[in-house]
C-alpha atoms as a PDB file:
ATOM      1  CA  UNK A   1      71.566 113.543 116.376  1.00  0.00           C
ATOM      2  CA  UNK A   2      75.384 113.176 116.138  1.00  0.00           C
ATOM      3  CA  UNK A   3      76.576 116.597 114.901  1.00  0.00           C
ATOM      4  CA  UNK A   4      78.307 116.656 111.352  1.00  0.00           C
ATOM      5  CA  UNK A   5      81.810 118.216 112.314  1.00  0.00           C
ATOM      6  CA  UNK A   6      82.616 118.888 108.607  1.00  0.00           C
ATOM      7  CA  UNK A   7      80.040 121.717 109.111  1.00  0.00           C
ATOM      8  CA  UNK A   8      81.961 123.044 111.665  1.00  0.00           C
ATOM      9  CA  UNK A   9      85.104 123.172 109.851  1.00  0.00           C
ATOM     10  CA  UNK A  10      83.265 124.590 107.026  1.00  0.00           C
ATOM     11  CA  UNK A  11      81.837 127.198 109.215  1.00  0.00           C
ATOM     12  CA  UNK A  12      85.404 128.056 110.877  1.00  0.00           C
ATOM     13  CA  UNK A  13      86.507 128.760 107.329  1.00  0.00           C
ATOM     14  CA  UNK A  14      88.889 125.689 107.407  1.00  0.00           C
ATOM     15  CA  UNK A  15      89.718 122.871 104.973  1.00  0.00           C
ATOM     16  CA  UNK A  16      88.433 119.404 105.295  1.00  0.00           C
ATOM     17  CA  UNK A  17      91.100 116.733 104.237  1.00  0.00           C
ATOM     18  CA  UNK A  18      88.871 113.655 102.734  1.00  0.00           C
ATOM     19  CA  UNK A  19      89.923 110.505 101.950  1.00  0.00           C
ATOM     20  CA  UNK A  20      88.849 108.244  99.307  1.00  0.00           C
ATOM     21  CA  UNK A  21      87.906 104.361  99.254  1.00  0.00           C
ATOM     22  CA  UNK A  22      87.752 102.239  96.156  1.00  0.00           C
ATOM     23  CA  UNK A  23      88.473  99.023  97.659  1.00  0.00           C
ATOM     24  CA  UNK A  24      85.564  96.801  98.654  1.00  0.00           C
ATOM     25  CA  UNK A  25      86.762  95.746 102.125  1.00  0.00           C
ATOM     26  CA  UNK A  26      85.769  96.595 105.595  1.00  0.00           C
ATOM     27  CA  UNK A  27      89.309  96.127 107.083  1.00  0.00           C
ATOM     28  CA  UNK A  28      91.076  98.426 104.548  1.00  0.00           C
ATOM     29  CA  UNK A  29      88.139 101.122 105.454  1.00  0.00           C
ATOM     30  CA  UNK A  30      89.152 100.830 108.965  1.00  0.00           C
ATOM     31  CA  UNK A  31      92.647 100.972 108.595  1.00  0.00           C
ATOM     32  CA  UNK A  32      92.132 104.244 106.582  1.00  0.00           C
ATOM     33  CA  UNK A  33      89.641 105.717 109.062  1.00  0.00           C
ATOM     34  CA  UNK A  34      92.611 105.534 111.651  1.00  0.00           C
ATOM     35  CA  UNK A  35      95.012 107.513 109.611  1.00  0.00           C
ATOM     36  CA  UNK A  36      93.451 110.901 110.737  1.00  0.00           C
ATOM     37  CA  UNK A  37      91.456 112.021 107.959  1.00  0.00           C
ATOM     38  CA  UNK A  38      88.371 114.278 108.489  1.00  0.00           C
ATOM     39  CA  UNK A  39      86.217 112.219 106.337  1.00  0.00           C
ATOM     40  CA  UNK A  40      86.281 109.394 104.061  1.00  0.00           C
ATOM     41  CA  UNK A  41      84.489 108.861 100.956  1.00  0.00           C
ATOM     42  CA  UNK A  42      83.162 105.437  99.854  1.00  0.00           C
ATOM     43  CA  UNK A  43      83.303 105.498  96.110  1.00  0.00           C
ATOM     44  CA  UNK A  44      80.437 103.706  94.426  1.00  0.00           C
ATOM     45  CA  UNK A  45      80.692 105.250  91.334  1.00  0.00           C
ATOM     46  CA  UNK A  46      84.315 104.055  90.145  1.00  0.00           C
ATOM     47  CA  UNK A  47      85.230 102.162  92.973  1.00  0.00           C
ATOM     48  CA  UNK A  48      84.594  98.387  93.156  1.00  0.00           C
ATOM     49  CA  UNK A  49      82.010  98.750  95.876  1.00  0.00           C
ATOM     50  CA  UNK A  50      78.223  98.091  95.878  1.00  0.00           C
ATOM     51  CA  UNK A  51      75.622  98.749  98.621  1.00  0.00           C
ATOM     52  CA  UNK A  52      76.759  95.279 100.331  1.00  0.00           C
ATOM     53  CA  UNK A  53      80.171  96.311 100.601  1.00  0.00           C
ATOM     54  CA  UNK A  54      79.399  99.680 101.715  1.00  0.00           C
ATOM     55  CA  UNK A  55      77.467  99.042 104.898  1.00  0.00           C
ATOM     56  CA  UNK A  56      80.262  97.125 106.623  1.00  0.00           C
ATOM     57  CA  UNK A  57      82.715  99.775 105.390  1.00  0.00           C
ATOM     58  CA  UNK A  58      80.349 102.447 107.097  1.00  0.00           C
ATOM     59  CA  UNK A  59      80.655 100.421 110.141  1.00  0.00           C
ATOM     60  CA  UNK A  60      84.259 100.511 109.886  1.00  0.00           C
ATOM     61  CA  UNK A  61      84.650 103.915 109.465  1.00  0.00           C
ATOM     62  CA  UNK A  62      82.365 104.294 112.739  1.00  0.00           C
ATOM     63  CA  UNK A  63      84.903 102.938 114.997  1.00  0.00           C
ATOM     64  CA  UNK A  64      86.727 106.450 114.678  1.00  0.00           C
ATOM     65  CA  UNK A  65      85.211 110.068 114.643  1.00  0.00           C
ATOM     66  CA  UNK A  66      85.929 110.286 110.875  1.00  0.00           C
ATOM     67  CA  UNK A  67      82.751 111.493 108.841  1.00  0.00           C
ATOM     68  CA  UNK A  68      81.569 108.708 106.506  1.00  0.00           C
ATOM     69  CA  UNK A  69      80.492 109.875 103.227  1.00  0.00           C
ATOM     70  CA  UNK A  70      79.702 108.302  99.628  1.00  0.00           C
ATOM     71  CA  UNK A  71      79.737 109.229  96.210  1.00  0.00           C
ATOM     72  CA  UNK A  72      76.773 107.391  94.268  1.00  0.00           C
ATOM     73  CA  UNK A  73      77.151 106.086  91.034  1.00  0.00           C
ATOM     74  CA  UNK A  74      74.389 108.140  89.498  1.00  0.00           C
ATOM     75  CA  UNK A  75      71.681 110.682  90.390  1.00  0.00           C
ATOM     76  CA  UNK A  76      69.383 107.912  91.385  1.00  0.00           C
ATOM     77  CA  UNK A  77      67.104 108.649  94.222  1.00  0.00           C
ATOM     78  CA  UNK A  78      66.935 105.144  95.208  1.00  0.00           C
ATOM     79  CA  UNK A  79      70.562 104.697  95.757  1.00  0.00           C
ATOM     80  CA  UNK A  80      70.861 107.924  97.219  1.00  0.00           C
ATOM     81  CA  UNK A  81      68.487 107.436 100.173  1.00  0.00           C
ATOM     82  CA  UNK A  82      69.470 103.995 100.686  1.00  0.00           C
ATOM     83  CA  UNK A  83      73.078 104.930 101.495  1.00  0.00           C
ATOM     84  CA  UNK A  84      71.914 107.683 103.639  1.00  0.00           C
ATOM     85  CA  UNK A  85      69.669 105.188 105.402  1.00  0.00           C
ATOM     86  CA  UNK A  86      73.049 103.224 106.077  1.00  0.00           C
ATOM     87  CA  UNK A  87      74.543 106.145 107.728  1.00  0.00           C
ATOM     88  CA  UNK A  88      76.284 108.140 105.361  1.00  0.00           C
ATOM     89  CA  UNK A  89      76.790 111.985 106.426  1.00  0.00           C
ATOM     90  CA  UNK A  90      77.507 113.086 103.236  1.00  0.00           C
ATOM     91  CA  UNK A  91      76.534 112.167  99.414  1.00  0.00           C
ATOM     92  CA  UNK A  92      78.754 113.355  96.335  1.00  0.00           C
ATOM     93  CA  UNK A  93      76.515 113.067  93.168  1.00  0.00           C
ATOM     94  CA  UNK A  94      78.221 112.797  89.668  1.00  0.00           C
ATOM     95  CA  UNK A  95      77.556 114.277  86.440  1.00  0.00           C
ATOM     96  CA  UNK A  96      75.088 116.908  87.784  1.00  0.00           C
ATOM     97  CA  UNK A  97      74.419 119.366  84.575  1.00  0.00           C
ATOM     98  CA  UNK A  98      71.579 121.514  85.032  1.00  0.00           C
ATOM     99  CA  UNK A  99      69.336 123.210  87.946  1.00  0.00           C
ATOM    100  CA  UNK A 100      66.739 120.369  87.498  1.00  0.00           C
ATOM    101  CA  UNK A 101      69.239 117.680  88.047  1.00  0.00           C
ATOM    102  CA  UNK A 102      70.919 119.415  91.090  1.00  0.00           C
ATOM    103  CA  UNK A 103      67.083 119.730  92.376  1.00  0.00           C
ATOM    104  CA  UNK A 104      66.412 116.046  92.060  1.00  0.00           C
ATOM    105  CA  UNK A 105      69.727 115.217  93.954  1.00  0.00           C
ATOM    106  CA  UNK A 106      69.017 117.408  96.806  1.00  0.00           C
ATOM    107  CA  UNK A 107      65.411 116.474  97.254  1.00  0.00           C
ATOM    108  CA  UNK A 108      66.350 112.961  97.564  1.00  0.00           C
ATOM    109  CA  UNK A 109      68.687 113.884 100.402  1.00  0.00           C
ATOM    110  CA  UNK A 110      65.562 115.618 102.222  1.00  0.00           C
ATOM    111  CA  UNK A 111      62.606 114.643 104.105  1.00  0.00           C
ATOM    112  CA  UNK A 112      59.457 116.478 103.343  1.00  0.00           C
ATOM    113  CA  UNK A 113      58.491 119.128 102.984  1.00  0.00           C
ATOM    114  CA  UNK A 114      61.674 120.228 101.688  1.00  0.00           C
ATOM    115  CA  UNK A 115      62.240 116.994  99.597  1.00  0.00           C
ATOM    116  CA  UNK A 116      61.068 113.462  98.974  1.00  0.00           C
ATOM    117  CA  UNK A 117      63.361 111.294 100.718  1.00  0.00           C
ATOM    118  CA  UNK A 118      61.412 108.243 102.108  1.00  0.00           C
ATOM    119  CA  UNK A 119      61.837 107.606 106.097  1.00  0.00           C
ATOM    120  CA  UNK A 120      63.636 104.459 107.035  1.00  0.00           C
ATOM    121  CA  UNK A 121      66.909 105.119 108.444  1.00  0.00           C
ATOM    122  CA  UNK A 122      67.670 101.643 109.818  1.00  0.00           C
ATOM    123  CA  UNK A 123      71.172 102.112 110.612  1.00  0.00           C
ATOM    124  CA  UNK A 124      71.127 105.649 110.590  1.00  0.00           C
ATOM    125  CA  UNK A 125      69.416 105.670 113.693  1.00  0.00           C
ATOM    126  CA  UNK A 126      72.052 103.874 115.317  1.00  0.00           C
ATOM    127  CA  UNK A 127      74.903 105.768 114.047  1.00  0.00           C
ATOM    128  CA  UNK A 128      73.203 109.355 114.614  1.00  0.00           C
ATOM    129  CA  UNK A 129      70.590 108.777 117.400  1.00  0.00           C
ATOM    130  CA  UNK A 130      66.852 108.353 117.563  1.00  0.00           C
ATOM    131  CA  UNK A 131      66.048 111.869 116.794  1.00  0.00           C
ATOM    132  CA  UNK A 132      67.517 111.627 113.208  1.00  0.00           C
ATOM    133  CA  UNK A 133      64.602 112.345 111.492  1.00  0.00           C
ATOM    134  CA  UNK A 134      64.329 115.756 113.324  1.00  0.00           C
ATOM    135  CA  UNK A 135      67.887 116.936 112.265  1.00  0.00           C
ATOM    136  CA  UNK A 136      69.026 114.955 109.237  1.00  0.00           C
ATOM    137  CA  UNK A 137      68.063 117.671 106.856  1.00  0.00           C
ATOM    138  CA  UNK A 138      70.462 120.139 108.271  1.00  0.00           C
ATOM    139  CA  UNK A 139      73.419 117.616 109.030  1.00  0.00           C
ATOM    140  CA  UNK A 140      73.671 115.701 105.653  1.00  0.00           C
ATOM    141  CA  UNK A 141      76.099 117.337 103.041  1.00  0.00           C
ATOM    142  CA  UNK A 142      75.055 117.462  99.553  1.00  0.00           C
ATOM    143  CA  UNK A 143      77.779 118.057  97.163  1.00  0.00           C
ATOM    144  CA  UNK A 144      77.005 118.049  93.395  1.00  0.00           C
ATOM    145  CA  UNK A 145      79.944 117.112  90.971  1.00  0.00           C
ATOM    146  CA  UNK A 146      80.593 119.734  88.170  1.00  0.00           C
ATOM    147  CA  UNK A 147      82.227 117.948  85.472  1.00  0.00           C
ATOM    148  CA  UNK A 148      80.286 118.249  82.165  1.00  0.00           C
ATOM    149  CA  UNK A 149      80.237 120.885  79.421  1.00  0.00           C
ATOM    150  CA  UNK A 150      76.487 121.499  80.239  1.00  0.00           C
ATOM    151  CA  UNK A 151      77.387 122.384  83.927  1.00  0.00           C
ATOM    152  CA  UNK A 152      79.988 124.672  82.786  1.00  0.00           C
ATOM    153  CA  UNK A 153      77.420 126.924  81.222  1.00  0.00           C
ATOM    154  CA  UNK A 154      74.961 126.787  83.742  1.00  0.00           C
ATOM    155  CA  UNK A 155      77.230 127.124  87.281  1.00  0.00           C
ATOM    156  CA  UNK A 156      74.804 129.812  88.679  1.00  0.00           C
ATOM    157  CA  UNK A 157      71.831 127.966  87.824  1.00  0.00           C
ATOM    158  CA  UNK A 158      73.277 124.720  89.286  1.00  0.00           C
ATOM    159  CA  UNK A 159      74.599 126.452  92.388  1.00  0.00           C
ATOM    160  CA  UNK A 160      71.774 128.350  93.395  1.00  0.00           C
ATOM    161  CA  UNK A 161      69.661 125.303  94.072  1.00  0.00           C
ATOM    162  CA  UNK A 162      68.144 125.643  97.636  1.00  0.00           C
ATOM    163  CA  UNK A 163      69.751 123.114  99.940  1.00  0.00           C
ATOM    164  CA  UNK A 164      72.793 122.514  97.791  1.00  0.00           C
ATOM    165  CA  UNK A 165      75.802 122.499 100.407  1.00  0.00           C
ATOM    166  CA  UNK A 166      78.503 122.602  97.741  1.00  0.00           C
ATOM    167  CA  UNK A 167      80.265 121.396  94.874  1.00  0.00           C
ATOM    168  CA  UNK A 168      82.868 118.780  93.947  1.00  0.00           C
ATOM    169  CA  UNK A 169      85.384 118.875  90.832  1.00  0.00           C
ATOM    170  CA  UNK A 170      86.306 115.641  89.209  1.00  0.00           C
ATOM    171  CA  UNK A 171      89.377 117.044  87.123  1.00  0.00           C
ATOM    172  CA  UNK A 172      89.611 113.690  85.025  1.00  0.00           C
ATOM    173  CA  UNK A 173      86.055 114.281  83.541  1.00  0.00           C
ATOM    174  CA  UNK A 174      86.230 118.126  83.539  1.00  0.00           C
ATOM    175  CA  UNK A 175      89.382 118.006  81.210  1.00  0.00           C
ATOM    176  CA  UNK A 176      87.192 115.370  78.879  1.00  0.00           C
ATOM    177  CA  UNK A 177      84.362 118.005  79.014  1.00  0.00           C
ATOM    178  CA  UNK A 178      86.728 120.533  77.405  1.00  0.00           C
ATOM    179  CA  UNK A 179      88.181 118.422  75.123  1.00  0.00           C
ATOM    180  CA  UNK A 180      91.262 117.575  76.937  1.00  0.00           C
ATOM    181  CA  UNK A 181      92.497 114.068  78.065  1.00  0.00           C
ATOM    182  CA  UNK A 182      91.713 113.296  81.641  1.00  0.00           C
ATOM    183  CA  UNK A 183      94.494 114.652  83.946  1.00  0.00           C
ATOM    184  CA  UNK A 184      94.610 115.380  87.850  1.00  0.00           C
ATOM    185  CA  UNK A 185      96.790 118.178  89.550  1.00  0.00           C
ATOM    186  CA  UNK A 186      96.390 120.631  86.306  1.00  0.00           C
ATOM    187  CA  UNK A 187      99.022 123.391  85.881  1.00  0.00           C
ATOM    188  CA  UNK A 188      98.420 126.960  86.119  1.00  0.00           C
ATOM    189  CA  UNK A 189      97.545 128.292  82.895  1.00  0.00           C
ATOM    190  CA  UNK A 190      96.039 125.343  81.491  1.00  0.00           C
ATOM    191  CA  UNK A 191      92.575 124.846  80.186  1.00  0.00           C
ATOM    192  CA  UNK A 192      91.315 122.824  83.045  1.00  0.00           C
ATOM    193  CA  UNK A 193      93.024 124.988  85.242  1.00  0.00           C
ATOM    194  CA  UNK A 194      91.152 128.212  84.208  1.00  0.00           C
ATOM    195  CA  UNK A 195      87.855 126.219  84.268  1.00  0.00           C
ATOM    196  CA  UNK A 196      88.718 125.046  88.015  1.00  0.00           C
ATOM    197  CA  UNK A 197      89.383 128.585  89.351  1.00  0.00           C
ATOM    198  CA  UNK A 198      86.016 129.760  87.626  1.00  0.00           C
ATOM    199  CA  UNK A 199      84.070 127.082  89.227  1.00  0.00           C
ATOM    200  CA  UNK A 200      85.374 128.059  92.385  1.00  0.00           C
ATOM    201  CA  UNK A 201      84.614 131.827  91.959  1.00  0.00           C
ATOM    202  CA  UNK A 202      81.005 130.711  91.296  1.00  0.00           C
ATOM    203  CA  UNK A 203      80.795 128.640  94.180  1.00  0.00           C
ATOM    204  CA  UNK A 204      82.185 131.503  96.614  1.00  0.00           C
ATOM    205  CA  UNK A 205      79.472 133.815  94.981  1.00  0.00           C
ATOM    206  CA  UNK A 206      76.649 131.377  95.832  1.00  0.00           C
ATOM    207  CA  UNK A 207      77.958 130.903  99.121  1.00  0.00           C
ATOM    208  CA  UNK A 208      78.970 126.984  98.628  1.00  0.00           C
ATOM    209  CA  UNK A 209      81.904 124.725  99.576  1.00  0.00           C
ATOM    210  CA  UNK A 210      84.201 123.972  96.940  1.00  0.00           C
ATOM    211  CA  UNK A 211      85.651 120.315  96.794  1.00  0.00           C
ATOM    212  CA  UNK A 212      88.118 118.993  94.479  1.00  0.00           C
ATOM    213  CA  UNK A 213      89.995 115.602  93.791  1.00  0.00           C
ATOM    214  CA  UNK A 214      93.833 115.837  93.889  1.00  0.00           C
ATOM    215  CA  UNK A 215      96.746 113.481  93.236  1.00  0.00           C
ATOM    216  CA  UNK A 216      99.243 114.791  95.763  1.00  0.00           C
ATOM    217  CA  UNK A 217      99.185 116.478  98.967  1.00  0.00           C
ATOM    218  CA  UNK A 218     101.152 119.332  97.540  1.00  0.00           C
ATOM    219  CA  UNK A 219      98.771 120.140  95.144  1.00  0.00           C
ATOM    220  CA  UNK A 220      95.617 119.894  97.516  1.00  0.00           C
ATOM    221  CA  UNK A 221      97.499 122.439  99.600  1.00  0.00           C
ATOM    222  CA  UNK A 222      97.695 124.858  96.658  1.00  0.00           C
ATOM    223  CA  UNK A 223      94.004 124.327  96.153  1.00  0.00           C
ATOM    224  CA  UNK A 224      93.273 125.189  99.974  1.00  0.00           C
ATOM    225  CA  UNK A 225      95.378 128.230  99.600  1.00  0.00           C
ATOM    226  CA  UNK A 226      93.174 129.545  96.785  1.00  0.00           C
ATOM    227  CA  UNK A 227      89.925 128.715  98.532  1.00  0.00           C
ATOM    228  CA  UNK A 228      88.880 125.288  98.467  1.00  0.00           C
ATOM    229  CA  UNK A 229      87.366 123.972 101.546  1.00  0.00           C
ATOM    230  CA  UNK A 230      87.431 120.135 101.034  1.00  0.00           C
ATOM    231  CA  UNK A 231      90.280 118.637  99.326  1.00  0.00           C
ATOM    232  CA  UNK A 232      90.658 114.786  98.414  1.00  0.00           C
ATOM    233  CA  UNK A 233      94.032 113.133  98.166  1.00  0.00           C
ATOM    234  CA  UNK A 234      94.510 110.004  96.248  1.00  0.00           C
ATOM    235  CA  UNK A 235      92.845 106.891  97.334  1.00  0.00           C
ATOM    236  CA  UNK A 236      93.372 103.336  99.315  1.00  0.00           C
ATOM    237  CA  UNK A 237      94.147 101.711  96.314  1.00  0.00           C
ATOM    238  CA  UNK A 238      96.739 104.078  94.861  1.00  0.00           C
ATOM    239  CA  UNK A 239      98.196 104.243  98.461  1.00  0.00           C
ATOM    240  CA  UNK A 240      98.737 100.541  98.120  1.00  0.00           C
ATOM    241  CA  UNK A 241      99.803 100.314  94.870  1.00  0.00           C
ATOM    242  CA  UNK A 242     102.399 103.315  95.108  1.00  0.00           C
ATOM    243  CA  UNK A 243     103.904 102.046  98.721  1.00  0.00           C
ATOM    244  CA  UNK A 244     104.093  98.384  97.582  1.00  0.00           C
ATOM    245  CA  UNK A 245     105.699  99.675  93.979  1.00  0.00           C
ATOM    246  CA  UNK A 246     108.303 101.966  95.917  1.00  0.00           C
ATOM    247  CA  UNK A 247     109.073  99.190  98.352  1.00  0.00           C
ATOM    248  CA  UNK A 248     109.725  96.572  95.635  1.00  0.00           C
ATOM    249  CA  UNK A 249     111.782  98.888  93.389  1.00  0.00           C
ATOM    250  CA  UNK A 250     114.089 100.050  96.200  1.00  0.00           C
ATOM    251  CA  UNK A 251     114.860  96.162  96.799  1.00  0.00           C
ATOM    252  CA  UNK A 252     115.279  95.468  93.333  1.00  0.00           C
ATOM    253  CA  UNK A 253     117.576  98.375  93.094  1.00  0.00           C
ATOM    254  CA  UNK A 254     119.666  97.155  96.139  1.00  0.00           C
ATOM    255  CA  UNK A 255     119.791  93.681  94.700  1.00  0.00           C
ATOM    256  CA  UNK A 256     120.950  95.087  91.265  1.00  0.00           C
ATOM    257  CA  UNK A 257     123.798  96.737  92.842  1.00  0.00           C
ATOM    258  CA  UNK A 258     124.796  93.964  94.997  1.00  0.00           C
ATOM    259  CA  UNK A 259     124.819  91.568  91.935  1.00  0.00           C
ATOM    260  CA  UNK A 260     127.102  94.213  90.089  1.00  0.00           C
ATOM    261  CA  UNK A 261     129.675  94.065  92.811  1.00  0.00           C
ATOM    262  CA  UNK A 262     130.024  90.165  92.541  1.00  0.00           C
ATOM    263  CA  UNK A 263     131.477  90.486  89.106  1.00  0.00           C
END
């Protein structure tokens, strides 16, 4: 089976630089895959992506050695199993609030006897190799999102779940969970930052990888320095809108300056 190179990066104590895909298009996924990310996550929760979009996006990512992952829209076994069968090498599951939910998520990713995943990796065999079933339980990365008020009270309970590889912080929902407005790149001393560092502490205690979503490379670098081993920066949609806006704004500024010289 094709090795999951993210596991080697984690083992070496290094950080994975993860990209985020929200646009339901295989070409934009292919473009992103050629930019040097360690992994790319197809966002099926808040992105505009369903399974019929995700499949060709996974194929596009496979033109490179970037590791394909997906964030499913809920802790629903059928969707989790189907995206794994399509060739995803990691799953991020939102809104995991307690041990029972964490176990349900992990076991949906694992073949018996460790889990209850049904066998039928149609594209997984093509992407990974004919021995997929022998090694999938070890290669697939399973990340539970910590972002609810209940989860904050049950960190060790969730993080001690057998088979869980790590946790992933969604700062926007985390802020909502503690009564704050949704925000990314929270400042030191803020209530959300205190929760983020506490979650990280518990992840390290339980020997789990900790991941977090970031708005800027500068903040992501800061998160790596304090111990996060998977950082996501922006998204394809955000890069498109930011780049386009910067170009248009610059040209309009130049146009305004030229018009002012004419008077």
